[in-house]
N, C-alpha and C. Protein backbone atom coordinates (compact mmCIF):
# COMPACT_ATOMS: atom_id res chain seq x y z
N MET A 1 0.83 -1.19 0.00
CA MET A 1 0.00 0.00 0.00
C MET A 1 0.88 1.25 0.00
N LYS A 2 1.93 1.25 0.84
CA LYS A 2 2.85 2.39 0.89
C LYS A 2 3.51 2.61 -0.45
N LYS A 3 3.84 1.50 -1.14
CA LYS A 3 4.49 1.63 -2.45
C LYS A 3 3.55 2.31 -3.44
N ILE A 4 2.26 1.96 -3.33
CA ILE A 4 1.28 2.56 -4.25
C ILE A 4 1.16 4.06 -4.00
N LEU A 5 1.08 4.42 -2.69
CA LEU A 5 0.96 5.84 -2.34
C LEU A 5 2.22 6.61 -2.76
N THR A 6 3.36 5.94 -2.49
CA THR A 6 4.62 6.60 -2.87
C THR A 6 4.70 6.82 -4.37
N GLY A 7 4.29 5.81 -5.12
CA GLY A 7 4.30 5.93 -6.58
C GLY A 7 3.36 7.03 -7.05
N ALA A 8 2.20 7.11 -6.41
CA ALA A 8 1.22 8.14 -6.79
C ALA A 8 1.77 9.53 -6.51
N LEU A 9 2.43 9.67 -5.35
CA LEU A 9 3.01 10.96 -5.01
C LEU A 9 4.10 11.36 -5.99
N LEU A 10 4.95 10.39 -6.34
CA LEU A 10 6.02 10.67 -7.30
C LEU A 10 5.45 11.08 -8.65
N ALA A 11 4.40 10.38 -9.05
CA ALA A 11 3.78 10.70 -10.33
C ALA A 11 3.21 12.11 -10.31
N GLY A 12 2.62 12.46 -9.14
CA GLY A 12 2.05 13.80 -9.02
C GLY A 12 3.12 14.88 -9.08
N VAL A 13 4.23 14.59 -8.40
CA VAL A 13 5.34 15.56 -8.43
C VAL A 13 5.86 15.74 -9.83
N VAL A 14 6.02 14.63 -10.55
CA VAL A 14 6.54 14.69 -11.92
C VAL A 14 5.60 15.49 -12.81
N ILE A 15 4.30 15.22 -12.69
CA ILE A 15 3.31 15.92 -13.52
C ILE A 15 3.31 17.41 -13.21
N SER A 16 3.41 17.75 -11.90
CA SER A 16 3.44 19.16 -11.50
C SER A 16 4.68 19.86 -12.06
N SER A 17 5.81 19.14 -12.01
CA SER A 17 7.06 19.72 -12.52
C SER A 17 6.96 20.00 -14.01
N ILE A 18 6.35 19.01 -14.71
CA ILE A 18 6.20 19.17 -16.16
C ILE A 18 5.30 20.36 -16.47
N PHE A 19 4.21 20.50 -15.70
CA PHE A 19 3.26 21.59 -15.91
C PHE A 19 3.91 22.96 -15.68
N ILE A 20 4.69 23.03 -14.56
CA ILE A 20 5.37 24.29 -14.22
C ILE A 20 6.41 24.65 -15.27
N ALA A 21 7.19 23.63 -15.69
CA ALA A 21 8.21 23.87 -16.70
C ALA A 21 7.59 24.32 -18.01
N GLY A 22 6.46 23.69 -18.35
CA GLY A 22 5.78 24.07 -19.59
C GLY A 22 5.25 25.48 -19.51
N ALA A 23 4.75 25.83 -18.32
CA ALA A 23 4.21 27.18 -18.16
C ALA A 23 5.31 28.22 -18.28
N CYS A 24 6.49 27.88 -17.72
CA CYS A 24 7.61 28.82 -17.76
C CYS A 24 8.16 29.00 -19.17
N SER A 25 8.14 27.90 -19.94
CA SER A 25 8.73 27.95 -21.27
C SER A 25 7.77 28.48 -22.32
N SER A 26 6.48 28.51 -22.00
CA SER A 26 5.49 28.99 -22.97
C SER A 26 5.63 30.49 -23.13
N PRO A 27 5.52 31.00 -24.35
CA PRO A 27 5.62 32.45 -24.56
C PRO A 27 4.47 33.17 -23.88
N LYS A 28 4.82 34.30 -23.24
CA LYS A 28 3.81 35.06 -22.52
C LYS A 28 3.05 35.95 -23.50
N VAL A 29 1.77 35.91 -23.45
CA VAL A 29 0.95 36.74 -24.31
C VAL A 29 0.80 38.11 -23.66
N LYS A 30 1.26 39.16 -24.38
CA LYS A 30 1.22 40.51 -23.83
C LYS A 30 -0.15 41.13 -24.02
N THR A 31 -0.55 41.88 -23.04
CA THR A 31 -1.83 42.58 -23.14
C THR A 31 -1.66 43.83 -23.98
N ASP A 32 -2.78 44.40 -24.41
CA ASP A 32 -2.74 45.63 -25.20
C ASP A 32 -2.07 46.76 -24.41
N ASN A 33 -2.31 46.79 -23.11
CA ASN A 33 -1.73 47.84 -22.27
C ASN A 33 -0.21 47.72 -22.21
N GLU A 34 0.30 46.48 -22.10
CA GLU A 34 1.75 46.27 -22.05
C GLU A 34 2.40 46.66 -23.37
N ARG A 35 1.73 46.28 -24.47
CA ARG A 35 2.28 46.63 -25.78
C ARG A 35 2.30 48.15 -25.96
N SER A 36 1.29 48.83 -25.47
CA SER A 36 1.22 50.28 -25.57
C SER A 36 2.34 50.94 -24.78
N ILE A 37 2.62 50.40 -23.58
CA ILE A 37 3.69 50.95 -22.74
C ILE A 37 5.04 50.78 -23.41
N GLU A 38 5.27 49.58 -23.99
CA GLU A 38 6.54 49.33 -24.66
C GLU A 38 6.73 50.24 -25.87
N ALA A 39 5.66 50.45 -26.63
CA ALA A 39 5.75 51.33 -27.80
C ALA A 39 6.07 52.75 -27.38
N SER A 40 5.45 53.18 -26.27
CA SER A 40 5.70 54.53 -25.76
C SER A 40 7.15 54.70 -25.32
N GLU A 41 7.68 53.68 -24.62
CA GLU A 41 9.07 53.75 -24.17
C GLU A 41 10.03 53.74 -25.35
N SER A 42 9.70 52.96 -26.38
CA SER A 42 10.55 52.89 -27.56
C SER A 42 10.58 54.24 -28.28
N ALA A 43 9.41 54.88 -28.38
CA ALA A 43 9.35 56.19 -29.02
C ALA A 43 10.13 57.22 -28.22
N LYS A 44 10.06 57.11 -26.89
CA LYS A 44 10.78 58.04 -26.02
C LYS A 44 12.28 57.90 -26.22
N ARG A 45 12.75 56.63 -26.31
CA ARG A 45 14.19 56.40 -26.51
C ARG A 45 14.64 56.97 -27.85
N ALA A 46 13.81 56.79 -28.88
CA ALA A 46 14.16 57.30 -30.21
C ALA A 46 14.24 58.82 -30.20
N TYR A 47 13.32 59.46 -29.48
CA TYR A 47 13.33 60.93 -29.37
C TYR A 47 14.57 61.43 -28.66
N GLU A 48 14.94 60.73 -27.57
CA GLU A 48 16.13 61.14 -26.83
C GLU A 48 17.38 61.00 -27.67
N LEU A 49 17.44 59.93 -28.48
CA LEU A 49 18.59 59.75 -29.35
C LEU A 49 18.67 60.84 -30.40
N SER A 50 17.50 61.30 -30.88
CA SER A 50 17.49 62.34 -31.90
C SER A 50 17.99 63.67 -31.36
N LEU A 51 17.94 63.86 -30.04
CA LEU A 51 18.41 65.10 -29.43
C LEU A 51 19.91 65.12 -29.23
N GLY A 52 20.54 63.99 -29.31
CA GLY A 52 21.99 63.93 -29.10
C GLY A 52 22.35 62.83 -28.14
N GLU A 53 23.65 62.65 -27.99
CA GLU A 53 24.14 61.55 -27.16
C GLU A 53 23.75 61.72 -25.69
N THR A 54 23.63 62.96 -25.24
CA THR A 54 23.31 63.17 -23.83
C THR A 54 21.83 63.03 -23.55
N GLY A 55 21.01 63.08 -24.61
CA GLY A 55 19.58 62.99 -24.41
C GLY A 55 19.00 64.26 -23.84
N ASN A 56 19.76 65.33 -23.85
CA ASN A 56 19.31 66.60 -23.30
C ASN A 56 18.74 67.45 -24.42
N LYS A 57 17.50 67.93 -24.28
CA LYS A 57 16.87 68.70 -25.34
C LYS A 57 17.62 70.00 -25.62
N ASP A 58 18.38 70.49 -24.64
CA ASP A 58 19.12 71.73 -24.83
C ASP A 58 20.24 71.57 -25.85
N ASP A 59 20.61 70.30 -26.16
CA ASP A 59 21.68 70.07 -27.12
C ASP A 59 21.34 70.66 -28.48
N LYS A 60 20.04 70.69 -28.83
CA LYS A 60 19.64 71.15 -30.14
C LYS A 60 19.06 72.56 -30.12
N GLN A 61 19.01 73.20 -28.99
CA GLN A 61 18.45 74.53 -28.88
C GLN A 61 19.54 75.58 -29.03
N PRO A 62 19.22 76.74 -29.69
CA PRO A 62 20.22 77.81 -29.80
C PRO A 62 20.55 78.38 -28.43
N ASP A 63 21.78 78.78 -28.28
CA ASP A 63 22.22 79.35 -27.01
C ASP A 63 21.64 80.75 -26.86
N PRO A 64 20.78 80.95 -25.84
CA PRO A 64 20.14 82.27 -25.69
C PRO A 64 21.12 83.38 -25.34
N THR A 65 22.33 83.00 -24.92
CA THR A 65 23.32 84.03 -24.56
C THR A 65 24.12 84.49 -25.78
N THR A 66 23.95 83.80 -26.92
CA THR A 66 24.67 84.18 -28.13
C THR A 66 24.05 85.44 -28.73
N PRO A 67 24.84 86.49 -28.99
CA PRO A 67 24.29 87.73 -29.55
C PRO A 67 23.66 87.47 -30.92
N GLN A 68 22.46 88.00 -31.13
CA GLN A 68 21.78 87.86 -32.41
C GLN A 68 22.16 89.03 -33.31
N VAL A 69 22.45 88.73 -34.57
CA VAL A 69 22.82 89.78 -35.52
C VAL A 69 21.92 89.70 -36.74
N VAL A 70 21.84 90.82 -37.46
CA VAL A 70 21.04 90.90 -38.66
C VAL A 70 21.98 91.13 -39.84
N LYS A 71 21.80 90.35 -40.89
CA LYS A 71 22.61 90.54 -42.09
C LYS A 71 21.90 91.54 -43.00
N VAL A 72 22.57 92.62 -43.34
CA VAL A 72 21.97 93.66 -44.17
C VAL A 72 22.79 93.85 -45.44
N SER A 73 22.12 94.36 -46.46
CA SER A 73 22.79 94.68 -47.72
C SER A 73 23.12 96.16 -47.74
N ILE A 74 24.36 96.46 -48.02
CA ILE A 74 24.80 97.85 -48.14
C ILE A 74 25.25 98.06 -49.58
N TYR A 75 24.69 99.07 -50.24
CA TYR A 75 25.06 99.36 -51.63
C TYR A 75 26.03 100.52 -51.65
N VAL A 76 27.18 100.25 -52.26
CA VAL A 76 28.31 101.17 -52.19
C VAL A 76 28.60 101.76 -53.57
N PRO A 77 28.51 103.08 -53.72
CA PRO A 77 28.83 103.70 -55.01
C PRO A 77 30.33 103.78 -55.23
N GLY A 78 30.74 103.68 -56.48
CA GLY A 78 32.15 103.76 -56.81
C GLY A 78 32.33 104.05 -58.28
N THR A 79 33.55 104.19 -58.72
CA THR A 79 33.82 104.56 -60.12
C THR A 79 33.41 103.48 -61.10
N ASN A 80 33.30 102.26 -60.65
CA ASN A 80 32.90 101.15 -61.52
C ASN A 80 31.42 100.81 -61.36
N GLY A 81 30.67 101.71 -60.76
CA GLY A 81 29.26 101.45 -60.53
C GLY A 81 28.99 101.20 -59.06
N ILE A 82 27.80 100.70 -58.77
CA ILE A 82 27.41 100.42 -57.39
C ILE A 82 27.63 98.94 -57.11
N THR A 83 28.23 98.64 -55.98
CA THR A 83 28.44 97.25 -55.59
C THR A 83 27.64 96.94 -54.33
N GLN A 84 27.25 95.69 -54.22
CA GLN A 84 26.50 95.23 -53.04
C GLN A 84 27.45 94.56 -52.06
N ASN A 85 27.34 94.91 -50.80
CA ASN A 85 28.14 94.29 -49.75
C ASN A 85 27.22 93.84 -48.63
N MET A 86 27.55 92.70 -48.03
CA MET A 86 26.76 92.19 -46.92
C MET A 86 27.46 92.54 -45.61
N ASP A 87 26.66 92.93 -44.64
CA ASP A 87 27.20 93.33 -43.34
C ASP A 87 26.36 92.69 -42.25
N ASN A 88 27.00 92.12 -41.23
CA ASN A 88 26.25 91.48 -40.14
C ASN A 88 26.70 92.01 -38.78
N SER A 89 27.02 93.31 -38.75
CA SER A 89 27.53 93.88 -37.50
C SER A 89 26.48 94.65 -36.71
N ILE A 90 25.21 94.65 -37.17
CA ILE A 90 24.17 95.31 -36.39
C ILE A 90 23.22 94.25 -35.84
N ASP A 91 22.66 94.53 -34.67
CA ASP A 91 21.86 93.52 -33.99
C ASP A 91 20.37 93.59 -34.31
N ILE A 92 19.89 94.74 -34.81
CA ILE A 92 18.49 94.85 -35.22
C ILE A 92 18.42 95.67 -36.50
N LEU A 93 17.36 95.43 -37.29
CA LEU A 93 17.17 96.21 -38.51
C LEU A 93 16.49 97.52 -38.12
N ASP A 94 17.27 98.58 -38.13
CA ASP A 94 16.80 99.89 -37.70
C ASP A 94 17.28 100.93 -38.70
N PRO A 95 16.41 101.86 -39.14
CA PRO A 95 16.81 102.84 -40.15
C PRO A 95 17.98 103.70 -39.71
N ASP A 96 18.03 104.06 -38.43
CA ASP A 96 19.14 104.89 -37.94
C ASP A 96 20.45 104.12 -37.93
N LEU A 97 20.40 102.85 -37.52
CA LEU A 97 21.61 102.03 -37.53
C LEU A 97 22.09 101.78 -38.95
N LEU A 98 21.14 101.64 -39.87
CA LEU A 98 21.49 101.43 -41.27
C LEU A 98 22.19 102.67 -41.83
N PHE A 99 21.67 103.84 -41.48
CA PHE A 99 22.30 105.08 -41.95
C PHE A 99 23.66 105.28 -41.29
N ALA A 100 23.77 104.90 -40.02
CA ALA A 100 25.06 104.98 -39.33
C ALA A 100 26.10 104.10 -40.03
N LYS A 101 25.64 102.97 -40.59
CA LYS A 101 26.55 102.10 -41.33
C LYS A 101 27.03 102.78 -42.61
N LEU A 102 26.15 103.55 -43.26
CA LEU A 102 26.55 104.30 -44.46
C LEU A 102 27.61 105.35 -44.11
N ILE A 103 27.47 105.95 -42.94
CA ILE A 103 28.47 106.92 -42.48
C ILE A 103 29.78 106.22 -42.15
N GLU A 104 29.67 105.10 -41.45
CA GLU A 104 30.87 104.34 -41.05
C GLU A 104 31.70 103.93 -42.25
N LEU A 105 31.04 103.58 -43.35
CA LEU A 105 31.74 103.13 -44.55
C LEU A 105 32.08 104.29 -45.49
N ASN A 106 31.87 105.53 -45.02
CA ASN A 106 32.18 106.73 -45.81
C ASN A 106 31.37 106.83 -47.09
N ILE A 107 30.22 106.21 -47.11
CA ILE A 107 29.33 106.32 -48.27
C ILE A 107 28.68 107.69 -48.26
N VAL A 108 28.33 108.17 -47.08
CA VAL A 108 27.85 109.54 -46.92
C VAL A 108 28.77 110.24 -45.93
N ASP A 109 28.72 111.56 -45.96
CA ASP A 109 29.59 112.35 -45.09
C ASP A 109 29.26 112.11 -43.62
N LYS A 110 30.28 112.23 -42.78
CA LYS A 110 30.09 111.98 -41.35
C LYS A 110 29.14 112.98 -40.70
N ASN A 111 28.95 114.13 -41.35
CA ASN A 111 28.04 115.14 -40.81
C ASN A 111 26.61 114.97 -41.33
N ALA A 112 26.41 114.00 -42.20
CA ALA A 112 25.06 113.75 -42.72
C ALA A 112 24.18 113.20 -41.60
N LYS A 113 22.90 113.49 -41.71
CA LYS A 113 21.97 113.04 -40.66
C LYS A 113 20.69 112.49 -41.28
N LEU A 114 20.14 111.50 -40.60
CA LEU A 114 18.82 110.98 -40.97
C LEU A 114 17.81 111.67 -40.06
N LYS A 115 16.94 112.46 -40.67
CA LYS A 115 15.95 113.20 -39.88
C LYS A 115 14.71 112.35 -39.58
N SER A 116 14.27 111.61 -40.58
CA SER A 116 13.09 110.75 -40.37
C SER A 116 13.01 109.70 -41.46
N PHE A 117 12.29 108.64 -41.15
CA PHE A 117 12.05 107.56 -42.11
C PHE A 117 10.67 107.00 -41.84
N THR A 118 9.80 107.09 -42.83
CA THR A 118 8.42 106.61 -42.66
C THR A 118 8.07 105.65 -43.78
N ILE A 119 7.20 104.70 -43.47
CA ILE A 119 6.71 103.74 -44.46
C ILE A 119 5.19 103.75 -44.42
N THR A 120 4.57 103.92 -45.58
CA THR A 120 3.12 103.83 -45.71
C THR A 120 2.83 102.84 -46.82
N ASN A 121 2.26 101.71 -46.43
CA ASN A 121 2.03 100.60 -47.38
C ASN A 121 3.37 100.20 -48.00
N ASP A 122 3.52 100.38 -49.32
CA ASP A 122 4.78 99.97 -49.96
C ASP A 122 5.66 101.16 -50.34
N LYS A 123 5.33 102.34 -49.80
CA LYS A 123 6.11 103.53 -50.10
C LYS A 123 6.79 104.08 -48.85
N GLY A 124 8.01 104.53 -49.03
CA GLY A 124 8.75 105.10 -47.91
C GLY A 124 9.28 106.47 -48.24
N VAL A 125 9.51 107.26 -47.21
CA VAL A 125 10.11 108.59 -47.37
C VAL A 125 11.29 108.68 -46.41
N LEU A 126 12.47 108.94 -46.99
CA LEU A 126 13.70 109.06 -46.21
C LEU A 126 14.13 110.52 -46.24
N SER A 127 14.08 111.16 -45.10
CA SER A 127 14.43 112.58 -45.02
C SER A 127 15.83 112.73 -44.43
N LEU A 128 16.72 113.37 -45.21
CA LEU A 128 18.13 113.48 -44.83
C LEU A 128 18.59 114.92 -44.83
N SER A 129 19.78 115.12 -44.31
CA SER A 129 20.48 116.40 -44.43
C SER A 129 21.96 116.10 -44.58
N GLY A 130 22.66 117.02 -45.23
CA GLY A 130 24.11 116.85 -45.35
C GLY A 130 24.55 115.91 -46.46
N VAL A 131 23.67 115.60 -47.42
CA VAL A 131 24.05 114.77 -48.57
C VAL A 131 23.71 115.53 -49.85
N ASP A 132 24.36 115.16 -50.94
CA ASP A 132 24.16 115.84 -52.22
C ASP A 132 23.03 115.15 -52.98
N ILE A 133 21.88 115.82 -53.05
CA ILE A 133 20.73 115.23 -53.72
C ILE A 133 20.94 115.11 -55.22
N ASN A 134 21.90 115.86 -55.77
CA ASN A 134 22.18 115.82 -57.21
C ASN A 134 23.13 114.69 -57.59
N ASN A 135 23.67 114.00 -56.60
CA ASN A 135 24.55 112.86 -56.86
C ASN A 135 23.67 111.64 -57.12
N LYS A 136 23.37 111.40 -58.39
CA LYS A 136 22.40 110.36 -58.75
C LYS A 136 22.85 108.97 -58.30
N GLN A 137 24.13 108.70 -58.45
CA GLN A 137 24.62 107.38 -58.06
C GLN A 137 24.50 107.17 -56.56
N LEU A 138 24.80 108.19 -55.79
CA LEU A 138 24.68 108.09 -54.34
C LEU A 138 23.22 107.89 -53.94
N MET A 139 22.31 108.62 -54.60
CA MET A 139 20.89 108.48 -54.29
C MET A 139 20.40 107.06 -54.59
N LYS A 140 20.89 106.49 -55.71
CA LYS A 140 20.51 105.12 -56.06
C LYS A 140 21.05 104.13 -55.03
N ALA A 141 22.27 104.36 -54.57
CA ALA A 141 22.87 103.45 -53.59
C ALA A 141 22.10 103.49 -52.28
N ILE A 142 21.72 104.69 -51.84
CA ILE A 142 20.95 104.82 -50.60
C ILE A 142 19.57 104.18 -50.77
N ALA A 143 18.92 104.46 -51.90
CA ALA A 143 17.59 103.89 -52.15
C ALA A 143 17.65 102.37 -52.17
N ASN A 144 18.62 101.81 -52.87
CA ASN A 144 18.76 100.35 -52.93
C ASN A 144 18.97 99.77 -51.53
N THR A 145 19.78 100.45 -50.73
CA THR A 145 20.08 99.95 -49.38
C THR A 145 18.81 99.84 -48.55
N TYR A 146 17.96 100.86 -48.60
CA TYR A 146 16.75 100.85 -47.78
C TYR A 146 15.66 99.95 -48.37
N ILE A 147 15.49 99.98 -49.69
CA ILE A 147 14.45 99.14 -50.30
C ILE A 147 14.78 97.66 -50.14
N ASP A 148 16.05 97.31 -50.28
CA ASP A 148 16.44 95.91 -50.17
C ASP A 148 16.28 95.38 -48.75
N ASN A 149 16.59 96.18 -47.76
CA ASN A 149 16.53 95.70 -46.38
C ASN A 149 15.14 95.77 -45.76
N PHE A 150 14.35 96.74 -46.15
CA PHE A 150 12.97 96.83 -45.67
C PHE A 150 12.08 96.24 -46.76
N GLU A 151 11.77 94.95 -46.62
CA GLU A 151 11.16 94.18 -47.69
C GLU A 151 9.79 94.70 -48.11
N GLU A 152 9.09 95.41 -47.22
CA GLU A 152 7.77 95.90 -47.58
C GLU A 152 7.83 97.08 -48.55
N LEU A 153 9.02 97.66 -48.71
CA LEU A 153 9.18 98.82 -49.58
C LEU A 153 9.30 98.42 -51.05
N LEU A 154 8.56 99.15 -51.90
CA LEU A 154 8.74 99.05 -53.34
C LEU A 154 9.23 100.37 -53.92
N TYR A 155 8.87 101.46 -53.24
CA TYR A 155 9.25 102.79 -53.69
C TYR A 155 9.82 103.59 -52.52
N LEU A 156 10.81 104.41 -52.82
CA LEU A 156 11.40 105.26 -51.78
C LEU A 156 11.64 106.66 -52.33
N THR A 157 11.15 107.64 -51.61
CA THR A 157 11.43 109.04 -51.93
C THR A 157 12.49 109.55 -50.96
N ILE A 158 13.55 110.12 -51.52
CA ILE A 158 14.60 110.68 -50.68
C ILE A 158 14.48 112.20 -50.70
N GLU A 159 14.38 112.77 -49.52
CA GLU A 159 14.34 114.22 -49.36
C GLU A 159 15.62 114.68 -48.68
N VAL A 160 16.14 115.80 -49.14
CA VAL A 160 17.29 116.42 -48.49
C VAL A 160 16.89 117.83 -48.09
N ASP A 161 16.98 118.11 -46.82
CA ASP A 161 16.54 119.39 -46.28
C ASP A 161 15.10 119.69 -46.66
N GLY A 162 14.28 118.65 -46.62
CA GLY A 162 12.85 118.80 -46.85
C GLY A 162 12.41 118.82 -48.29
N LYS A 163 13.35 118.67 -49.24
CA LYS A 163 12.99 118.73 -50.66
C LYS A 163 13.46 117.48 -51.39
N SER A 164 12.65 117.05 -52.34
CA SER A 164 13.03 115.93 -53.20
C SER A 164 13.19 116.45 -54.62
N SER A 165 13.76 115.64 -55.48
CA SER A 165 13.90 116.01 -56.89
C SER A 165 13.16 114.99 -57.73
N ALA A 166 13.08 115.26 -59.02
CA ALA A 166 12.39 114.32 -59.90
C ALA A 166 13.07 112.96 -59.88
N ASP A 167 14.39 112.96 -59.69
CA ASP A 167 15.14 111.69 -59.69
C ASP A 167 15.04 110.94 -58.37
N THR A 168 14.67 111.63 -57.30
CA THR A 168 14.65 110.95 -55.99
C THR A 168 13.23 110.69 -55.49
N LYS A 169 12.24 110.92 -56.33
CA LYS A 169 10.86 110.69 -55.93
C LYS A 169 10.39 109.33 -56.41
N ASP A 170 9.82 108.55 -55.49
CA ASP A 170 9.31 107.20 -55.80
C ASP A 170 10.35 106.36 -56.54
N MET A 171 11.55 106.33 -56.00
CA MET A 171 12.61 105.53 -56.61
C MET A 171 12.33 104.05 -56.39
N LYS A 172 12.61 103.24 -57.42
CA LYS A 172 12.50 101.79 -57.32
C LYS A 172 13.89 101.19 -57.11
N PHE A 173 13.90 99.91 -56.76
CA PHE A 173 15.19 99.22 -56.63
C PHE A 173 15.85 99.16 -57.99
N ASP A 174 17.09 99.61 -58.07
CA ASP A 174 17.84 99.64 -59.32
C ASP A 174 18.51 98.30 -59.55
N LYS A 175 17.90 97.48 -60.40
CA LYS A 175 18.44 96.14 -60.66
C LYS A 175 19.75 96.20 -61.44
N ASP A 176 19.95 97.28 -62.18
CA ASP A 176 21.19 97.43 -62.95
C ASP A 176 22.18 98.31 -62.20
N PHE A 177 22.19 98.14 -60.86
CA PHE A 177 23.04 99.02 -60.05
C PHE A 177 24.52 98.91 -60.39
N LYS A 178 24.95 97.75 -60.89
CA LYS A 178 26.38 97.59 -61.21
C LYS A 178 26.78 98.41 -62.43
N LYS A 179 25.76 98.86 -63.20
CA LYS A 179 26.04 99.63 -64.40
C LYS A 179 25.77 101.12 -64.20
N SER A 180 25.53 101.52 -62.95
CA SER A 180 25.23 102.92 -62.67
C SER A 180 26.38 103.82 -63.10
N GLY A 181 26.04 105.04 -63.49
CA GLY A 181 27.03 105.97 -64.01
C GLY A 181 28.16 106.29 -63.05
N ASN A 182 29.28 106.67 -63.61
CA ASN A 182 30.46 106.98 -62.80
C ASN A 182 30.37 108.42 -62.30
N VAL A 183 29.65 108.60 -61.21
CA VAL A 183 29.51 109.91 -60.60
C VAL A 183 30.50 110.01 -59.45
N LYS A 184 31.15 111.14 -59.31
CA LYS A 184 32.12 111.29 -58.22
C LYS A 184 31.42 111.19 -56.87
N VAL A 185 31.96 110.35 -56.02
CA VAL A 185 31.35 110.13 -54.70
C VAL A 185 32.43 110.19 -53.64
N ASN A 186 32.01 110.17 -52.38
CA ASN A 186 32.97 110.11 -51.29
C ASN A 186 33.80 108.84 -51.40
N LYS A 187 35.06 108.94 -51.09
CA LYS A 187 35.91 107.75 -51.10
C LYS A 187 35.42 106.77 -50.05
N VAL A 188 35.26 105.52 -50.44
CA VAL A 188 34.75 104.50 -49.53
C VAL A 188 35.89 103.62 -49.10
N SER A 189 36.10 103.54 -47.79
CA SER A 189 37.18 102.70 -47.26
C SER A 189 36.67 101.31 -47.01
N ALA A 190 37.55 100.41 -46.66
CA ALA A 190 37.23 99.03 -46.27
C ALA A 190 36.56 98.30 -47.42
N VAL A 191 35.22 98.23 -47.39
CA VAL A 191 34.50 97.38 -48.33
C VAL A 191 34.63 97.85 -49.76
N ASN A 192 35.04 99.13 -50.03
CA ASN A 192 35.06 99.64 -51.39
C ASN A 192 36.45 100.03 -51.85
N GLU A 193 37.48 99.47 -51.23
CA GLU A 193 38.84 99.84 -51.58
C GLU A 193 39.14 99.55 -53.04
N ASN A 194 38.61 98.46 -53.58
CA ASN A 194 38.92 98.07 -54.95
C ASN A 194 38.07 98.81 -55.97
N ASN A 195 37.09 99.61 -55.51
CA ASN A 195 36.21 100.29 -56.44
C ASN A 195 36.60 101.75 -56.66
N THR A 196 37.66 102.23 -56.02
CA THR A 196 38.11 103.60 -56.20
C THR A 196 39.24 103.62 -57.21
N ASP A 197 39.31 104.76 -57.97
CA ASP A 197 40.39 104.82 -58.94
C ASP A 197 41.69 105.28 -58.27
N LYS A 198 42.70 105.48 -59.05
CA LYS A 198 44.00 105.80 -58.49
C LYS A 198 44.02 107.18 -57.83
N ASN A 199 43.12 108.04 -58.25
CA ASN A 199 43.06 109.38 -57.67
C ASN A 199 42.20 109.43 -56.43
N GLY A 200 41.64 108.26 -56.03
CA GLY A 200 40.83 108.21 -54.83
C GLY A 200 39.42 108.70 -55.03
N ASN A 201 38.96 108.81 -56.29
CA ASN A 201 37.60 109.28 -56.56
C ASN A 201 36.61 108.14 -56.54
């Protein structure tokens, strides 16, 4: 009788072991919730990798302490016509700073002043003093500089001491600026060294 009971117990143990082993080796069926969590974690890892090795989102963000600059077009008159130069030394697009750049580059006299600058729809009025309104090439260079940088402008009237001329009223951007006439202008240093003749004109 004991042998029978012992055999039955052994058989039960063996069957239980087989059942447990089978349960452990059987693939676990994942629930929809588990699959959703895994997908979310996988997407998160992919996002962190896209930000850089450190996984820090700041890796891809511009440094707020870096000074911001604006690239502007400056049109420089010279004996070979008007040339375009790019300048990125100003931090905001401002009419006074733009005019100061013209003074800095000796395009206009250091005593020249910008009295006012207004824009109405696509037309602008630039009121100056201390510049030669009869210098057509200089007027074209100034007009191109302001029309090119202030994108809403299509026409610019330049006034000197409160008066404009037929040539400076509703000026458009001069696309043929490189072919502008050889009018004597202030000697331009730095950016226009190669555009002056041997006499410095």
